[in-house]
Amino acid sequence: MEIKGAIFDLDGTLLDSMWVWNQVDIDFLGKRGFDVPPDYPKAIAAMGFHETAEYTIKRFGLNETVEDVIAEWDRMAAQMYHERVKIKPDVTEVLEQMKRQGIHLGIATASYRTLFEPCLRRNGVFEYFEAVTETSEVARGKGFPDIYIKAAEKMNCRPEQCLVFEDITKGIEAAGNGGFQTVAVYDPAAQAEWEENKAKADFYIENFKELLEPSSFLNRL
C-alpha cells in the first residue's frame, strides 16, 4: 500500500519536551505535598489535558477545579515551550524529504495549541503540517484511534495509507487498532516501554536520522 500520509505525535516524538512535563509534575504535586508516584507518568501518558486533570484531582484528593489545574499547568509549561523546547535532531530534514515525496503531514497531540504552535514556529517546522488535530477534538484520548482517524480525514487519507509516529505504548496500540501502520519512536522518558513499543509497532526508529538512510523502511513502502 502506497503511503500518502504521516501523522506525528509531538511530545516525546517530534519534540524533545518530556523533561518539561516531568518538571511540571514534580513542581505541581510538590507544591501540594506529594511526590510523583512511579506509575503516574505512564498512567496519564495517553490522556488529554482535561482527562489528566480529572484523574489527578481524584487520585490526590485535590479541592480544585479541572479548569484551575489546567491553567496552572499551562502557565508552568508555557515559557519552556515558547523559549527552550527543541525539535529532535534531523526532524526538519525528514519532514522536508516527506514533503518532496508528496506525503501529507499531520499532527495528533494531547497538547494545547497555545503551547505547541509557538514552539513549532520557533523551530521552523509548523508550516510543514497541513493538519493539526488535538485530543480535545475527539471523544476519547490517545488510548483509542479516534484522534488518528480524525487527522487522516483532514488529510483525505485512509488509515491504511498513513504512518503514525508515536513514543508511547497506548498510542501505538490505538493507531494499530485503527488500521494505521505504526512507527515507534525512541524517547528516553519512555525507556521502560521501548522493548514493548518495538514489538507492537510495524516499524521503529531510535532517531530520525535513520529515516534519511538509503536502508530506511520508508524506501520500501
Protein backbone atom coordinates (compact mmCIF):
# COMPACT_ATOMS: atom_id res chain seq x y z
CA MET A 1 0.00 0.00 0.00
CA GLU A 2 1.38 3.39 -1.02
CA ILE A 3 1.95 5.75 1.90
CA LYS A 4 0.11 9.03 1.37
CA GLY A 5 0.18 10.47 4.89
CA ALA A 6 2.31 10.64 8.03
CA ILE A 7 0.83 11.58 11.40
CA PHE A 8 3.15 12.61 14.21
CA ASP A 9 2.70 12.81 17.94
CA LEU A 10 4.55 15.79 19.40
CA ASP A 11 5.80 15.37 22.98
CA GLY A 12 8.49 12.71 23.06
CA THR A 13 8.17 12.04 19.32
CA LEU A 14 8.95 15.19 17.32
CA LEU A 15 9.72 17.35 20.35
CA ASP A 16 12.36 16.81 23.00
CA SER A 17 9.89 18.00 25.60
CA MET A 18 9.13 15.29 28.12
CA TRP A 19 11.51 16.93 30.59
CA VAL A 20 9.06 19.83 30.75
CA TRP A 21 6.19 17.65 31.90
CA ASN A 22 8.36 15.73 34.32
CA GLN A 23 9.26 19.04 35.96
CA VAL A 24 5.66 20.27 35.90
CA ASP A 25 4.57 17.07 37.68
CA ILE A 26 7.30 17.46 40.31
CA ASP A 27 6.53 21.13 40.94
CA PHE A 28 2.74 20.86 40.82
CA LEU A 29 2.46 17.86 43.14
CA GLY A 30 5.34 19.01 45.34
CA LYS A 31 3.55 22.30 45.97
CA ARG A 32 0.68 20.22 47.35
CA GLY A 33 2.85 17.96 49.49
CA PHE A 34 3.09 14.93 47.19
CA ASP A 35 5.93 13.14 45.45
CA VAL A 36 5.30 11.93 41.90
CA PRO A 37 4.30 8.24 42.14
CA PRO A 38 6.38 5.98 39.86
CA ASP A 39 3.30 4.87 37.92
CA TYR A 40 1.83 8.36 37.45
CA PRO A 41 3.59 9.36 34.17
CA LYS A 42 2.57 6.15 32.41
CA ALA A 43 -0.97 6.34 33.80
CA ILE A 44 -1.56 9.74 32.20
CA ALA A 45 0.54 9.26 29.04
CA ALA A 46 -2.39 8.69 26.67
CA MET A 47 -4.77 11.19 28.31
CA GLY A 48 -5.66 14.65 27.11
CA PHE A 49 -5.32 17.63 29.45
CA HIS A 50 -8.92 17.52 30.69
CA GLU A 51 -8.84 13.80 31.44
CA THR A 52 -5.42 14.13 33.11
CA ALA A 53 -6.69 16.93 35.33
CA GLU A 54 -9.74 14.89 36.35
CA TYR A 55 -7.53 11.88 37.11
CA THR A 56 -5.04 13.97 39.11
CA ILE A 57 -7.74 15.67 41.18
CA LYS A 58 -9.35 12.33 42.01
CA ARG A 59 -6.12 10.46 42.69
CA PHE A 60 -4.66 13.06 45.04
CA GLY A 61 -7.93 14.28 46.53
CA LEU A 62 -7.41 17.87 45.40
CA ASN A 63 -10.03 20.50 46.16
CA GLU A 64 -9.52 22.26 42.83
CA THR A 65 -11.39 22.53 39.55
CA VAL A 66 -10.25 20.95 36.30
CA GLU A 67 -10.02 24.42 34.76
CA ASP A 68 -7.77 25.74 37.54
CA VAL A 69 -5.45 22.74 37.34
CA ILE A 70 -5.10 23.02 33.55
CA ALA A 71 -4.49 26.76 33.77
CA GLU A 72 -1.69 26.22 36.29
CA TRP A 73 -0.06 23.53 34.14
CA ASP A 74 -0.29 25.83 31.13
CA ARG A 75 1.40 28.68 32.99
CA MET A 76 4.15 26.39 34.24
CA ALA A 77 4.91 24.93 30.81
CA ALA A 78 4.37 27.94 28.54
CA GLN A 79 7.70 29.69 28.97
CA MET A 80 9.66 26.47 28.50
CA TYR A 81 7.75 25.63 25.30
CA HIS A 82 8.00 29.13 23.92
CA GLU A 83 11.70 29.57 24.65
CA ARG A 84 13.51 26.29 25.30
CA VAL A 85 11.86 23.17 23.85
CA LYS A 86 13.53 21.94 20.66
CA ILE A 87 12.61 19.52 17.92
CA LYS A 88 14.61 16.31 17.86
CA PRO A 89 17.69 16.13 15.62
CA ASP A 90 17.06 15.57 11.88
CA VAL A 91 13.30 16.15 12.15
CA THR A 92 13.39 19.08 9.72
CA GLU A 93 15.25 17.05 7.12
CA VAL A 94 12.78 14.15 7.44
CA LEU A 95 9.77 16.45 7.07
CA GLU A 96 11.37 18.12 4.06
CA GLN A 97 12.03 14.78 2.42
CA MET A 98 8.48 13.57 3.01
CA LYS A 99 7.07 16.81 1.65
CA ARG A 100 9.15 16.43 -1.52
CA GLN A 101 7.75 12.92 -1.90
CA GLY A 102 4.20 14.27 -1.77
CA ILE A 103 3.37 12.76 1.63
CA HIS A 104 0.72 14.69 3.57
CA LEU A 105 1.90 15.61 7.07
CA GLY A 106 -0.27 15.86 10.16
CA ILE A 107 -0.04 16.22 13.93
CA ALA A 108 -2.04 14.28 16.54
CA THR A 109 -1.40 15.59 20.03
CA ALA A 110 -2.79 15.75 23.54
CA SER A 111 -1.11 19.13 23.99
CA TYR A 112 -2.63 22.60 23.57
CA ARG A 113 -2.06 24.77 20.52
CA THR A 114 -1.06 27.69 22.76
CA LEU A 115 1.93 25.60 23.83
CA PHE A 116 3.00 23.71 20.72
CA GLU A 117 2.32 26.16 17.89
CA PRO A 118 4.76 28.86 19.10
CA CYS A 119 7.31 26.09 19.74
CA LEU A 120 6.95 24.58 16.27
CA ARG A 121 7.08 28.01 14.64
CA ARG A 122 10.23 28.95 16.57
CA ASN A 123 11.80 25.68 15.41
CA GLY A 124 10.78 26.41 11.82
CA VAL A 125 8.59 23.36 11.14
CA PHE A 126 4.98 24.39 11.75
CA GLU A 127 4.33 25.17 8.09
CA TYR A 128 5.14 21.60 7.04
CA PHE A 129 1.88 20.36 8.57
CA GLU A 130 -1.42 20.66 6.75
CA ALA A 131 -3.50 19.07 9.52
CA VAL A 132 -3.26 19.62 13.27
CA THR A 133 -5.53 17.54 15.49
CA GLU A 134 -5.86 17.77 19.27
CA THR A 135 -7.47 15.27 21.63
CA SER A 136 -9.97 17.99 22.55
CA GLU A 137 -11.49 17.50 19.07
CA VAL A 138 -12.45 13.86 19.64
CA ALA A 139 -14.46 11.97 22.22
CA ARG A 140 -11.68 9.75 23.55
CA GLY A 141 -7.98 10.11 24.34
CA LYS A 142 -4.92 8.52 22.80
CA GLY A 143 -5.78 5.10 24.12
CA PHE A 144 -8.23 4.96 21.20
CA PRO A 145 -7.78 5.50 17.45
CA ASP A 146 -10.18 8.48 17.24
CA ILE A 147 -7.54 11.21 17.04
CA TYR A 148 -5.54 9.43 14.33
CA ILE A 149 -8.67 8.79 12.29
CA LYS A 150 -9.61 12.46 12.58
CA ALA A 151 -6.12 13.52 11.49
CA ALA A 152 -6.24 11.18 8.48
CA GLU A 153 -9.66 12.51 7.47
CA LYS A 154 -8.29 16.06 7.48
CA MET A 155 -5.60 14.94 5.02
CA ASN A 156 -8.10 12.99 2.88
CA CYS A 157 -6.22 9.75 3.55
CA ARG A 158 -7.43 6.34 4.64
CA PRO A 159 -5.85 4.83 7.78
CA GLU A 160 -4.05 2.10 5.85
CA GLN A 161 -2.39 4.81 3.75
CA CYS A 162 -0.88 6.54 6.80
CA LEU A 163 2.07 6.07 9.09
CA VAL A 164 1.61 7.07 12.73
CA PHE A 165 4.74 8.04 14.67
CA GLU A 166 4.37 7.59 18.45
CA ASP A 167 6.55 7.19 21.53
CA ILE A 168 4.00 5.66 23.93
CA THR A 169 2.61 2.14 24.00
CA LYS A 170 -1.05 3.13 24.22
CA GLY A 171 -0.71 5.40 21.19
CA ILE A 172 0.97 2.68 19.14
CA GLU A 173 -1.70 0.17 20.11
CA ALA A 174 -4.55 2.57 19.40
CA ALA A 175 -3.24 3.58 15.98
CA GLY A 176 -2.67 -0.06 15.08
CA ASN A 177 -6.22 -0.91 16.15
CA GLY A 178 -7.42 1.87 13.85
CA GLY A 179 -5.77 0.28 10.82
CA PHE A 180 -2.71 2.54 10.64
CA GLN A 181 0.88 1.46 10.08
CA THR A 182 2.79 2.42 13.21
CA VAL A 183 6.31 3.65 13.88
CA ALA A 184 7.66 3.53 17.43
CA VAL A 185 9.98 6.45 18.16
CA TYR A 186 12.52 6.13 20.96
CA ASP A 187 12.48 8.70 23.74
CA PRO A 188 14.46 8.43 26.98
CA ALA A 189 11.36 9.27 29.01
CA ALA A 190 9.71 6.08 27.72
CA GLN A 191 12.79 3.88 28.09
CA ALA A 192 10.89 1.34 30.18
CA GLU A 193 8.38 0.84 27.34
CA TRP A 194 10.87 0.67 24.47
CA GLU A 195 11.05 -3.10 24.02
CA GLU A 196 7.26 -3.37 24.20
CA ASN A 197 6.87 -0.49 21.75
CA LYS A 198 9.24 -2.10 19.26
CA ALA A 199 7.34 -5.38 19.47
CA LYS A 200 3.93 -3.77 18.94
CA ALA A 201 4.82 -1.31 16.17
CA ASP A 202 5.19 -2.15 12.48
CA PHE A 203 8.48 -0.23 12.39
CA TYR A 204 10.70 1.51 14.91
CA ILE A 205 13.43 4.14 14.93
CA GLU A 206 15.85 5.19 17.63
CA ASN A 207 16.42 8.55 15.93
CA PHE A 208 15.14 10.40 12.88
CA LYS A 209 18.45 10.19 11.06
CA GLU A 210 17.60 6.54 10.35
CA LEU A 211 14.79 7.70 8.06
CA LEU A 212 17.29 9.54 5.87
CA GLU A 213 19.42 6.45 5.25
CA PRO A 214 19.11 4.51 1.96
CA SER A 215 18.22 1.42 4.01
CA SER A 216 15.25 3.15 5.71
CA PHE A 217 11.96 1.26 5.69
CA LEU A 218 10.42 4.34 4.05
CA ASN A 219 12.21 3.41 0.85
CA ARG A 220 10.49 0.02 0.84
CA LEU A 221 6.94 1.31 1.15
